[in-house]
Amino acid sequence: MSDLSELPRKEASVLKGHEGAVLAARFNGDGNYCLSCGKDRTIRLWNPHRGIHIKTYKSHGREVRDVHVTSDNSKLVSCGGDRQVFYWDVATGRVIRKFRGHDSEVNAVKFNEYASVVVSAGYDQSLRAWDCRSHSTEPIQIIDTFSDSVMSVCLTKTEIIAGSVDGTVRTFDIRIGREISDNLGQPVNCISMSNDGNCILASCLDSTLRLLDRSAGELLQEYKGHTCKSYKLDCCLTNTDAHVAGGSEDGYIYFWDLVDASVVSRFRAHSSVVTSVSYHPTDNCMISASVDGTIRVWKT
């Protein structure tokens, strides 16, 4: 049995400032900062450990659904209801470029490892890859084999992995142009990768998280107890891959044992839907975001 004292369940601070629902909160690469975005059309940069708001980024015309920052903290990318992908300079707060081409809302964005390419996932059933260094407004690649909204995307050195409402998690090998599709049979609204890179955790709209083996596509485990039926809720693994963490529509956060899928802890974190969870890369610390308008920082 794993040591539950290592799980971050004590509220260290509450980050307030968003007006309306917070749709995502993400640690940066080293875990010293975090970014949030939401219904108020803004992105906010915080020091979650000191509970301090640092900067607000405003330019989106509708809600901001996702945000990702480069490993050197110099650029960020965001997307949302205005159908555009924004590429920002973190220090100045200026938009360097707007990538247009999605026909509808954009659900998720990620930088590749070198911060040279951004991949976006859209309600228009497509993935689009954009070259950050080129001044071309056209995507360098469009993947449109999905049959419903693409909700979430993960990148490895050679692959794009995405989850869709069509019930699939699809892996595209960029080098050889191969697509592998794993059908989970339930709408997928969020995927995240294990820290060892061997597994994909998929949140599905039947209130179940599913763990997939990446090489074989085999279903390894299912995690239940929370409610996830109508919202996009994040899921993640702790930084040791020992536990699975996820939010719930009733305001609770759940921790499951990775191997036996038992609920090892659940606690009331927010007064409304927990939209986002992000685990610190090295410490026992987690942030959560909610429709209640707050981001909360959890420590042991």
Protein backbone atom coordinates (compact mmCIF):
# COMPACT_ATOMS: atom_id res chain seq x y z
CA MET A 1 0.00 0.00 0.00
CA SER A 2 1.36 3.42 -0.90
CA ASP A 3 2.07 6.12 1.65
CA LEU A 4 -0.93 8.47 1.65
CA SER A 5 0.93 11.15 3.62
CA GLU A 6 2.73 11.98 0.38
CA LEU A 7 -0.49 12.99 -1.37
CA PRO A 8 -1.12 16.75 -1.48
CA ARG A 9 -4.44 17.23 0.31
CA LYS A 10 -3.83 20.36 2.40
CA GLU A 11 -4.84 23.67 0.87
CA ALA A 12 -1.73 25.88 0.73
CA SER A 13 -3.27 28.83 -1.09
CA VAL A 14 -6.20 30.01 -3.19
CA LEU A 15 -5.45 31.94 -6.38
CA LYS A 16 -8.23 34.43 -7.06
CA GLY A 17 -8.64 36.82 -9.95
CA HIS A 18 -10.52 35.07 -12.72
CA GLU A 19 -14.08 36.28 -13.24
CA GLY A 20 -16.06 33.13 -13.92
CA ALA A 21 -15.08 29.53 -14.50
CA VAL A 22 -11.41 28.56 -14.71
CA LEU A 23 -11.13 26.01 -17.51
CA ALA A 24 -7.50 24.94 -17.13
CA ALA A 25 -4.52 25.37 -14.80
CA ARG A 26 -1.06 24.08 -15.68
CA PHE A 27 2.31 24.06 -13.99
CA ASN A 28 5.21 25.25 -16.12
CA GLY A 29 8.11 22.88 -16.83
CA ASP A 30 9.97 23.29 -13.55
CA GLY A 31 6.87 23.71 -11.38
CA ASN A 32 7.82 27.18 -10.09
CA TYR A 33 4.94 28.91 -11.87
CA CYS A 34 1.52 28.06 -13.18
CA LEU A 35 -0.79 29.36 -15.87
CA SER A 36 -4.56 29.43 -15.85
CA CYS A 37 -7.22 30.35 -18.37
CA GLY A 38 -10.95 30.66 -18.38
CA LYS A 39 -14.35 32.02 -19.25
CA ASP A 40 -13.25 35.62 -18.66
CA ARG A 41 -11.12 35.41 -21.86
CA THR A 42 -7.86 35.83 -19.96
CA ILE A 43 -4.74 33.83 -19.22
CA ARG A 44 -3.07 34.43 -15.88
CA LEU A 45 0.45 33.72 -14.71
CA TRP A 46 0.96 32.92 -11.02
CA ASN A 47 3.53 31.94 -8.48
CA PRO A 48 1.37 29.30 -6.78
CA HIS A 49 3.86 28.68 -3.96
CA ARG A 50 3.68 32.28 -2.79
CA GLY A 51 0.04 32.75 -3.83
CA ILE A 52 0.93 35.66 -6.09
CA HIS A 53 -0.61 36.79 -9.37
CA ILE A 54 2.15 37.94 -11.75
CA LYS A 55 0.58 38.86 -15.08
CA THR A 56 -2.63 38.74 -17.11
CA TYR A 57 -2.72 38.08 -20.85
CA LYS A 58 -5.72 39.52 -22.70
CA SER A 59 -6.45 39.24 -26.41
CA HIS A 60 -8.83 36.33 -26.91
CA GLY A 61 -12.34 37.25 -28.02
CA ARG A 62 -14.04 34.37 -26.24
CA GLU A 63 -13.31 31.89 -23.43
CA VAL A 64 -9.78 30.47 -23.25
CA ARG A 65 -9.84 26.69 -23.01
CA ASP A 66 -6.20 25.68 -22.83
CA VAL A 67 -2.70 27.10 -22.37
CA HIS A 68 0.83 25.68 -22.57
CA VAL A 69 4.22 27.30 -21.93
CA THR A 70 7.61 26.50 -23.45
CA SER A 71 10.25 24.78 -21.31
CA ASP A 72 12.33 27.99 -21.23
CA ASN A 73 9.24 29.97 -20.08
CA SER A 74 9.64 32.50 -22.90
CA LYS A 75 6.53 31.76 -25.01
CA LEU A 76 3.06 30.52 -24.39
CA VAL A 77 0.29 29.23 -26.59
CA SER A 78 -3.44 29.41 -25.95
CA CYS A 79 -6.72 28.56 -27.63
CA GLY A 80 -10.45 28.73 -27.15
CA GLY A 81 -13.85 29.76 -28.32
CA ASP A 82 -12.70 32.35 -30.84
CA ARG A 83 -11.29 29.56 -33.10
CA GLN A 84 -7.77 30.97 -32.97
CA VAL A 85 -4.48 29.76 -31.58
CA PHE A 86 -2.49 32.59 -29.98
CA TYR A 87 1.32 32.52 -29.70
CA TRP A 88 2.51 34.92 -27.00
CA ASP A 89 5.69 36.46 -25.65
CA VAL A 90 5.55 35.76 -21.91
CA ALA A 91 7.65 38.72 -20.76
CA THR A 92 5.95 41.47 -22.78
CA GLY A 93 2.47 39.95 -22.87
CA ARG A 94 2.28 40.58 -26.62
CA VAL A 95 0.72 38.23 -29.13
CA ILE A 96 3.47 37.28 -31.60
CA ARG A 97 1.20 35.41 -33.96
CA LYS A 98 -2.38 34.22 -34.38
CA PHE A 99 -2.89 30.91 -36.13
CA ARG A 100 -6.24 30.81 -37.89
CA GLY A 101 -7.73 27.86 -39.71
CA HIS A 102 -9.89 25.87 -37.30
CA ASP A 103 -13.56 26.11 -38.31
CA SER A 104 -14.81 26.07 -34.74
CA GLU A 105 -13.72 26.24 -31.09
CA VAL A 106 -10.21 25.03 -30.29
CA ASN A 107 -10.10 22.69 -27.29
CA ALA A 108 -6.43 22.03 -26.62
CA VAL A 109 -2.90 23.16 -27.53
CA LYS A 110 0.63 21.85 -26.94
CA PHE A 111 4.15 22.86 -27.91
CA ASN A 112 6.51 20.21 -29.19
CA GLU A 113 9.71 19.58 -27.23
CA TYR A 114 11.68 22.18 -29.18
CA ALA A 115 8.92 24.83 -28.98
CA SER A 116 9.12 25.14 -32.76
CA VAL A 117 5.71 23.61 -33.47
CA VAL A 118 2.30 23.98 -31.85
CA VAL A 119 -0.39 21.32 -32.26
CA SER A 120 -4.03 22.30 -31.72
CA ALA A 121 -7.12 20.12 -31.32
CA GLY A 122 -10.49 21.38 -32.47
CA TYR A 123 -14.22 20.95 -32.32
CA ASP A 124 -13.98 20.82 -36.14
CA GLN A 125 -12.71 17.21 -35.76
CA SER A 126 -9.15 18.10 -36.73
CA LEU A 127 -5.64 18.40 -35.37
CA ARG A 128 -3.50 21.16 -36.85
CA ALA A 129 0.24 21.68 -36.55
CA TRP A 130 1.66 25.20 -36.82
CA ASP A 131 5.25 26.33 -37.33
CA CYS A 132 6.07 28.99 -34.73
CA ARG A 133 9.15 30.18 -36.62
CA SER A 134 7.50 30.62 -40.02
CA HIS A 135 5.41 33.64 -40.96
CA SER A 136 3.07 31.47 -42.98
CA THR A 137 -0.48 31.43 -41.67
CA GLU A 138 -1.13 27.95 -43.09
CA PRO A 139 -0.75 24.88 -40.87
CA ILE A 140 2.15 22.59 -41.74
CA GLN A 141 -0.07 19.57 -41.17
CA ILE A 142 -3.78 18.81 -40.80
CA ILE A 143 -5.00 15.50 -39.40
CA ASP A 144 -8.72 15.03 -39.97
CA THR A 145 -9.39 11.32 -39.54
CA PHE A 146 -11.51 11.85 -36.41
CA SER A 147 -15.29 11.64 -36.65
CA ASP A 148 -16.08 14.02 -33.76
CA SER A 149 -14.54 16.84 -31.71
CA VAL A 150 -10.87 16.41 -30.76
CA MET A 151 -10.57 17.29 -27.08
CA SER A 152 -7.02 16.73 -25.93
CA VAL A 153 -3.52 16.27 -27.32
CA CYS A 154 -0.14 14.96 -26.08
CA LEU A 155 3.17 15.06 -27.93
CA THR A 156 6.25 12.86 -27.81
CA LYS A 157 9.45 13.33 -29.83
CA THR A 158 7.93 11.52 -32.81
CA GLU A 159 4.20 11.26 -32.19
CA ILE A 160 1.01 13.23 -31.80
CA ILE A 161 -1.52 11.50 -29.53
CA ALA A 162 -5.08 12.80 -29.31
CA GLY A 163 -8.38 11.90 -27.68
CA SER A 164 -11.76 12.52 -29.25
CA VAL A 165 -15.47 12.49 -28.50
CA ASP A 166 -15.64 9.79 -31.22
CA GLY A 167 -14.33 7.40 -28.52
CA THR A 168 -10.82 6.99 -29.87
CA VAL A 169 -7.30 7.75 -28.74
CA ARG A 170 -5.22 8.01 -31.91
CA THR A 171 -1.45 8.01 -32.23
CA PHE A 172 0.17 9.55 -35.30
CA ASP A 173 3.80 8.74 -35.98
CA ILE A 174 5.01 11.89 -37.70
CA ARG A 175 8.15 10.30 -39.22
CA ILE A 176 6.46 7.45 -41.03
CA GLY A 177 2.95 8.85 -41.35
CA ARG A 178 1.30 5.95 -39.56
CA GLU A 179 -1.91 6.20 -37.53
CA ILE A 180 -2.88 3.80 -34.77
CA SER A 181 -6.38 4.08 -33.33
CA ASP A 182 -7.53 2.64 -29.99
CA ASN A 183 -11.29 2.69 -29.56
CA LEU A 184 -12.44 3.10 -25.95
CA GLY A 185 -16.12 3.06 -26.87
CA GLN A 186 -16.87 6.16 -24.78
CA PRO A 187 -16.30 9.87 -25.52
CA VAL A 188 -12.76 10.86 -24.50
CA ASN A 189 -12.45 14.37 -23.09
CA CYS A 190 -8.90 14.44 -21.77
CA ILE A 191 -5.71 12.44 -22.15
CA SER A 192 -2.44 12.66 -20.28
CA MET A 193 0.73 10.63 -20.44
CA SER A 194 2.45 8.77 -17.62
CA ASN A 195 5.82 10.18 -16.63
CA ASP A 196 7.63 7.07 -17.89
CA GLY A 197 5.94 7.56 -21.27
CA ASN A 198 4.55 4.02 -21.35
CA CYS A 199 0.88 4.72 -20.68
CA ILE A 200 -1.93 7.09 -21.62
CA LEU A 201 -4.60 8.02 -19.10
CA ALA A 202 -7.90 8.89 -20.76
CA SER A 203 -10.85 10.58 -19.06
CA CYS A 204 -14.14 9.43 -20.57
CA LEU A 205 -17.64 10.86 -20.27
CA ASP A 206 -19.01 7.70 -18.63
CA SER A 207 -17.33 8.82 -15.37
CA THR A 208 -14.38 6.48 -15.92
CA LEU A 209 -10.66 7.05 -16.36
CA ARG A 210 -8.95 4.43 -18.50
CA LEU A 211 -5.26 3.55 -18.52
CA LEU A 212 -3.88 2.34 -21.86
CA ASP A 213 -0.59 0.68 -22.59
CA ARG A 214 1.00 2.79 -25.34
CA SER A 215 2.82 0.03 -27.19
CA ALA A 216 0.00 -2.49 -27.37
CA GLY A 217 -3.02 -0.25 -26.90
CA GLU A 218 -4.17 -2.64 -24.22
CA LEU A 219 -6.61 -1.44 -21.52
CA LEU A 220 -4.66 -1.84 -18.29
CA GLN A 221 -7.01 -0.41 -15.68
CA GLU A 222 -10.19 1.63 -15.06
CA TYR A 223 -10.72 4.21 -12.32
CA LYS A 224 -14.21 5.07 -11.08
CA GLY A 225 -16.08 6.86 -8.30
CA HIS A 226 -16.00 10.43 -9.56
CA THR A 227 -18.60 12.10 -11.79
CA CYS A 228 -17.66 13.14 -15.32
CA LYS A 229 -20.60 13.29 -17.70
CA SER A 230 -20.87 16.74 -19.24
CA TYR A 231 -17.68 18.71 -18.59
CA LYS A 232 -14.13 18.45 -19.85
CA LEU A 233 -12.23 17.33 -16.76
CA ASP A 234 -8.46 16.90 -16.60
CA CYS A 235 -6.76 13.86 -15.25
CA CYS A 236 -3.09 13.24 -14.50
CA LEU A 237 -0.68 10.92 -12.79
CA THR A 238 1.37 11.93 -9.77
CA ASN A 239 5.04 12.56 -10.57
CA THR A 240 6.02 9.08 -9.39
CA ASP A 241 3.26 7.42 -11.45
CA ALA A 242 2.07 5.76 -8.22
CA HIS A 243 -1.35 7.42 -8.22
CA VAL A 244 -3.93 8.74 -10.64
CA ALA A 245 -5.52 12.11 -9.88
CA GLY A 246 -8.71 13.55 -11.29
CA GLY A 247 -11.40 16.11 -10.65
CA SER A 248 -15.11 15.49 -10.33
CA GLU A 249 -18.21 17.47 -11.26
CA ASP A 250 -19.28 17.54 -7.59
CA GLY A 251 -16.20 19.56 -6.55
CA TYR A 252 -14.16 16.63 -5.27
CA ILE A 253 -10.64 15.55 -6.18
CA TYR A 254 -9.93 11.82 -6.32
CA PHE A 255 -6.69 9.90 -5.94
CA TRP A 256 -6.58 6.30 -7.09
CA ASP A 257 -3.90 3.68 -6.66
CA LEU A 258 -2.43 3.22 -10.15
CA VAL A 259 -2.16 -0.56 -9.94
CA ASP A 260 -5.28 -1.75 -8.11
CA ALA A 261 -7.50 1.27 -8.97
CA SER A 262 -8.79 1.67 -5.42
CA VAL A 263 -9.79 5.17 -4.30
CA VAL A 264 -7.07 6.02 -1.79
CA SER A 265 -8.32 9.54 -1.11
CA ARG A 266 -11.16 11.86 -2.04
CA PHE A 267 -11.75 15.32 -0.67
CA ARG A 268 -13.90 18.37 -1.32
CA ALA A 269 -11.64 20.79 -3.15
CA HIS A 270 -14.03 23.32 -4.71
CA SER A 271 -17.63 24.46 -4.44
CA SER A 272 -18.27 23.51 -8.07
CA VAL A 273 -16.92 21.35 -10.95
CA VAL A 274 -13.17 20.66 -10.78
CA THR A 275 -12.13 21.29 -14.38
CA SER A 276 -8.39 20.89 -14.08
CA VAL A 277 -5.66 19.17 -12.09
CA SER A 278 -1.94 19.58 -12.66
CA TYR A 279 0.77 17.81 -10.68
CA HIS A 280 4.13 19.36 -9.81
CA PRO A 281 7.01 17.76 -11.80
CA THR A 282 9.12 16.95 -8.72
CA ASP A 283 7.34 17.90 -5.47
CA ASN A 284 4.25 16.61 -3.70
CA CYS A 285 2.17 19.53 -4.85
CA MET A 286 -0.85 19.88 -7.10
CA ILE A 287 -3.01 22.68 -8.45
CA SER A 288 -6.70 22.43 -9.26
CA ALA A 289 -9.06 24.76 -11.09
CA SER A 290 -12.81 25.04 -10.96
CA VAL A 291 -15.99 26.51 -12.34
CA ASP A 292 -16.11 28.27 -8.93
CA GLY A 293 -13.53 30.74 -10.31
CA THR A 294 -10.56 29.72 -8.14
CA ILE A 295 -7.32 27.84 -8.53
CA ARG A 296 -6.22 26.01 -5.41
CA VAL A 297 -2.73 24.89 -4.48
CA TRP A 298 -2.46 21.59 -2.59
CA LYS A 299 0.52 20.40 -0.54
CA THR A 300 1.21 17.66 1.97
